[in-house]
C-alpha atoms as a PDB file:
ATOM      1  CA  UNK A   1      30.545  26.998 -13.974  1.00  0.00           C
ATOM      2  CA  UNK A   2      30.760  28.030 -10.614  1.00  0.00           C
ATOM      3  CA  UNK A   3      27.937  27.205  -8.112  1.00  0.00           C
ATOM      4  CA  UNK A   4      26.698  30.835  -8.102  1.00  0.00           C
ATOM      5  CA  UNK A   5      26.274  30.417 -11.906  1.00  0.00           C
ATOM      6  CA  UNK A   6      24.786  26.672 -11.701  1.00  0.00           C
ATOM      7  CA  UNK A   7      22.028  28.183  -9.274  1.00  0.00           C
ATOM      8  CA  UNK A   8      21.132  31.219 -11.515  1.00  0.00           C
ATOM      9  CA  UNK A   9      20.809  28.837 -14.455  1.00  0.00           C
ATOM     10  CA  UNK A  10      18.707  26.463 -12.555  1.00  0.00           C
ATOM     11  CA  UNK A  11      16.560  29.390 -11.555  1.00  0.00           C
ATOM     12  CA  UNK A  12      16.095  30.349 -15.028  1.00  0.00           C
ATOM     13  CA  UNK A  13      15.376  26.755 -16.015  1.00  0.00           C
ATOM     14  CA  UNK A  14      12.679  26.516 -13.413  1.00  0.00           C
ATOM     15  CA  UNK A  15      11.037  29.859 -14.266  1.00  0.00           C
ATOM     16  CA  UNK A  16      10.720  28.885 -17.966  1.00  0.00           C
ATOM     17  CA  UNK A  17       9.420  25.283 -16.891  1.00  0.00           C
ATOM     18  CA  UNK A  18       6.753  27.161 -14.534  1.00  0.00           C
ATOM     19  CA  UNK A  19       5.751  29.605 -17.313  1.00  0.00           C
ATOM     20  CA  UNK A  20       4.901  26.321 -19.633  1.00  0.00           C
ATOM     21  CA  UNK A  21       2.973  24.688 -17.043  1.00  0.00           C
ATOM     22  CA  UNK A  22       0.497  27.946 -16.835  1.00  0.00           C
ATOM     23  CA  UNK A  23       2.219  29.839 -13.786  1.00  0.00           C
ATOM     24  CA  UNK A  24       2.443  33.459 -13.444  1.00  0.00           C
ATOM     25  CA  UNK A  25       5.880  34.554 -12.188  1.00  0.00           C
ATOM     26  CA  UNK A  26       5.306  37.357  -9.727  1.00  0.00           C
ATOM     27  CA  UNK A  27       8.728  37.527  -8.077  1.00  0.00           C
ATOM     28  CA  UNK A  28      12.350  36.162  -8.296  1.00  0.00           C
ATOM     29  CA  UNK A  29      14.811  35.807  -5.657  1.00  0.00           C
ATOM     30  CA  UNK A  30      12.308  37.595  -2.855  1.00  0.00           C
ATOM     31  CA  UNK A  31      14.132  38.691   0.193  1.00  0.00           C
ATOM     32  CA  UNK A  32      12.968  38.847   3.524  1.00  0.00           C
ATOM     33  CA  UNK A  33      16.582  39.416   5.141  1.00  0.00           C
ATOM     34  CA  UNK A  34      20.040  38.397   4.548  1.00  0.00           C
ATOM     35  CA  UNK A  35      19.307  34.924   5.770  1.00  0.00           C
ATOM     36  CA  UNK A  36      15.826  34.303   4.267  1.00  0.00           C
ATOM     37  CA  UNK A  37      14.907  34.158   0.520  1.00  0.00           C
ATOM     38  CA  UNK A  38      12.314  32.721  -1.891  1.00  0.00           C
ATOM     39  CA  UNK A  39      13.889  31.773  -5.237  1.00  0.00           C
ATOM     40  CA  UNK A  40      10.677  32.051  -7.225  1.00  0.00           C
ATOM     41  CA  UNK A  41       6.975  33.405  -6.307  1.00  0.00           C
ATOM     42  CA  UNK A  42       4.234  32.475  -8.707  1.00  0.00           C
ATOM     43  CA  UNK A  43       0.713  32.178  -8.940  1.00  0.00           C
ATOM     44  CA  UNK A  44      -1.686  29.652 -10.291  1.00  0.00           C
ATOM     45  CA  UNK A  45      -5.117  29.083  -9.989  1.00  0.00           C
ATOM     46  CA  UNK A  46      -5.658  31.644  -7.340  1.00  0.00           C
ATOM     47  CA  UNK A  47      -2.802  30.014  -5.334  1.00  0.00           C
ATOM     48  CA  UNK A  48       0.723  31.508  -4.518  1.00  0.00           C
ATOM     49  CA  UNK A  49       3.458  29.317  -5.027  1.00  0.00           C
ATOM     50  CA  UNK A  50       6.741  29.717  -2.850  1.00  0.00           C
ATOM     51  CA  UNK A  51       9.437  27.980  -4.621  1.00  0.00           C
ATOM     52  CA  UNK A  52      12.750  26.499  -3.894  1.00  0.00           C
ATOM     53  CA  UNK A  53      15.121  25.682  -6.631  1.00  0.00           C
ATOM     54  CA  UNK A  54      17.999  23.492  -6.147  1.00  0.00           C
ATOM     55  CA  UNK A  55      20.317  22.695  -9.250  1.00  0.00           C
ATOM     56  CA  UNK A  56      23.290  20.177  -9.499  1.00  0.00           C
ATOM     57  CA  UNK A  57      25.635  19.117 -12.023  1.00  0.00           C
ATOM     58  CA  UNK A  58      25.731  15.389 -10.610  1.00  0.00           C
ATOM     59  CA  UNK A  59      23.920  13.216  -7.951  1.00  0.00           C
ATOM     60  CA  UNK A  60      26.938  11.807  -6.352  1.00  0.00           C
ATOM     61  CA  UNK A  61      26.106  13.246  -3.022  1.00  0.00           C
ATOM     62  CA  UNK A  62      22.116  13.207  -3.232  1.00  0.00           C
ATOM     63  CA  UNK A  63      19.542  14.385  -5.104  1.00  0.00           C
ATOM     64  CA  UNK A  64      19.048  17.966  -5.153  1.00  0.00           C
ATOM     65  CA  UNK A  65      15.573  18.212  -3.309  1.00  0.00           C
ATOM     66  CA  UNK A  66      17.281  16.295  -0.571  1.00  0.00           C
ATOM     67  CA  UNK A  67      19.395  19.650   0.412  1.00  0.00           C
ATOM     68  CA  UNK A  68      15.947  21.279   1.492  1.00  0.00           C
ATOM     69  CA  UNK A  69      15.966  20.750   5.249  1.00  0.00           C
ATOM     70  CA  UNK A  70      13.409  21.724   7.999  1.00  0.00           C
ATOM     71  CA  UNK A  71      15.493  24.981   8.609  1.00  0.00           C
ATOM     72  CA  UNK A  72      15.282  25.658   5.204  1.00  0.00           C
ATOM     73  CA  UNK A  73      11.600  25.111   4.880  1.00  0.00           C
ATOM     74  CA  UNK A  74      10.927  27.325   8.365  1.00  0.00           C
ATOM     75  CA  UNK A  75      12.838  30.245   6.522  1.00  0.00           C
ATOM     76  CA  UNK A  76      10.875  29.932   3.484  1.00  0.00           C
ATOM     77  CA  UNK A  77       7.703  29.976   5.447  1.00  0.00           C
ATOM     78  CA  UNK A  78       8.790  32.980   7.439  1.00  0.00           C
ATOM     79  CA  UNK A  79       9.729  34.961   4.077  1.00  0.00           C
ATOM     80  CA  UNK A  80       6.194  33.641   2.645  1.00  0.00           C
ATOM     81  CA  UNK A  81       4.202  35.148   5.651  1.00  0.00           C
ATOM     82  CA  UNK A  82       6.208  38.473   5.135  1.00  0.00           C
ATOM     83  CA  UNK A  83       5.451  38.455   1.467  1.00  0.00           C
ATOM     84  CA  UNK A  84       1.852  37.978   1.882  1.00  0.00           C
ATOM     85  CA  UNK A  85       1.464  40.671   4.802  1.00  0.00           C
ATOM     86  CA  UNK A  86       2.560  42.938   2.394  1.00  0.00           C
ATOM     87  CA  UNK A  87       0.394  42.076  -0.090  1.00  0.00           C
ATOM     88  CA  UNK A  88      -2.399  44.685  -0.871  1.00  0.00           C
ATOM     89  CA  UNK A  89      -5.163  41.672  -1.562  1.00  0.00           C
ATOM     90  CA  UNK A  90      -5.161  38.967   1.120  1.00  0.00           C
ATOM     91  CA  UNK A  91      -3.657  35.814  -0.072  1.00  0.00           C
ATOM     92  CA  UNK A  92      -6.475  32.577   0.343  1.00  0.00           C
ATOM     93  CA  UNK A  93      -4.269  29.903  -0.839  1.00  0.00           C
ATOM     94  CA  UNK A  94      -0.668  29.493  -0.662  1.00  0.00           C
ATOM     95  CA  UNK A  95       1.664  26.410  -0.863  1.00  0.00           C
ATOM     96  CA  UNK A  96       5.575  25.810  -0.440  1.00  0.00           C
ATOM     97  CA  UNK A  97       6.792  24.107  -3.588  1.00  0.00           C
ATOM     98  CA  UNK A  98      10.241  22.594  -4.786  1.00  0.00           C
ATOM     99  CA  UNK A  99      11.974  22.079  -7.877  1.00  0.00           C
ATOM    100  CA  UNK A 100      14.975  20.082  -8.268  1.00  0.00           C
ATOM    101  CA  UNK A 101      17.301  19.994 -11.309  1.00  0.00           C
ATOM    102  CA  UNK A 102      20.101  17.917 -12.281  1.00  0.00           C
ATOM    103  CA  UNK A 103      22.531  19.111 -15.313  1.00  0.00           C
ATOM    104  CA  UNK A 104      23.911  16.401 -17.649  1.00  0.00           C
ATOM    105  CA  UNK A 105      26.947  17.013 -19.367  1.00  0.00           C
ATOM    106  CA  UNK A 106      25.432  18.949 -21.969  1.00  0.00           C
ATOM    107  CA  UNK A 107      23.557  21.058 -19.476  1.00  0.00           C
ATOM    108  CA  UNK A 108      20.586  19.618 -20.411  1.00  0.00           C
ATOM    109  CA  UNK A 109      18.181  19.477 -17.561  1.00  0.00           C
ATOM    110  CA  UNK A 110      16.231  16.600 -15.616  1.00  0.00           C
ATOM    111  CA  UNK A 111      13.432  18.631 -13.744  1.00  0.00           C
ATOM    112  CA  UNK A 112      11.408  17.009 -10.645  1.00  0.00           C
ATOM    113  CA  UNK A 113       8.692  19.638  -9.391  1.00  0.00           C
ATOM    114  CA  UNK A 114       7.196  18.889  -5.835  1.00  0.00           C
ATOM    115  CA  UNK A 115       4.015  20.664  -4.784  1.00  0.00           C
ATOM    116  CA  UNK A 116       2.808  21.655  -1.015  1.00  0.00           C
ATOM    117  CA  UNK A 117       6.049  20.719   0.923  1.00  0.00           C
ATOM    118  CA  UNK A 118       4.608  19.849   4.358  1.00  0.00           C
ATOM    119  CA  UNK A 119       7.205  20.451   7.632  1.00  0.00           C
END
């Protein structure tokens, strides 16, 4: 699998994971500019969740969530603000979350979900 294929597969796994947890998926791959994208925008309990997904086939070079740095968080935040400004209804509560996925040899996922990242 290519990195792009692995990433898309991970996003699908994350989407299914969130749906099972009671989230309503609002957007996939929401793009603000060519430099800013949010993998998944979802809603649960009147909170909008902006979710970054990182997928790896191994963790030799670190855990997937370690790839989310301050620059990436700022990009997600700017994109989230743009999204909320263009919504018809004002957003009361929102947060930035992350899902890290490691696929084993059989492409079975180990999923880690971290809510409300602070930067």
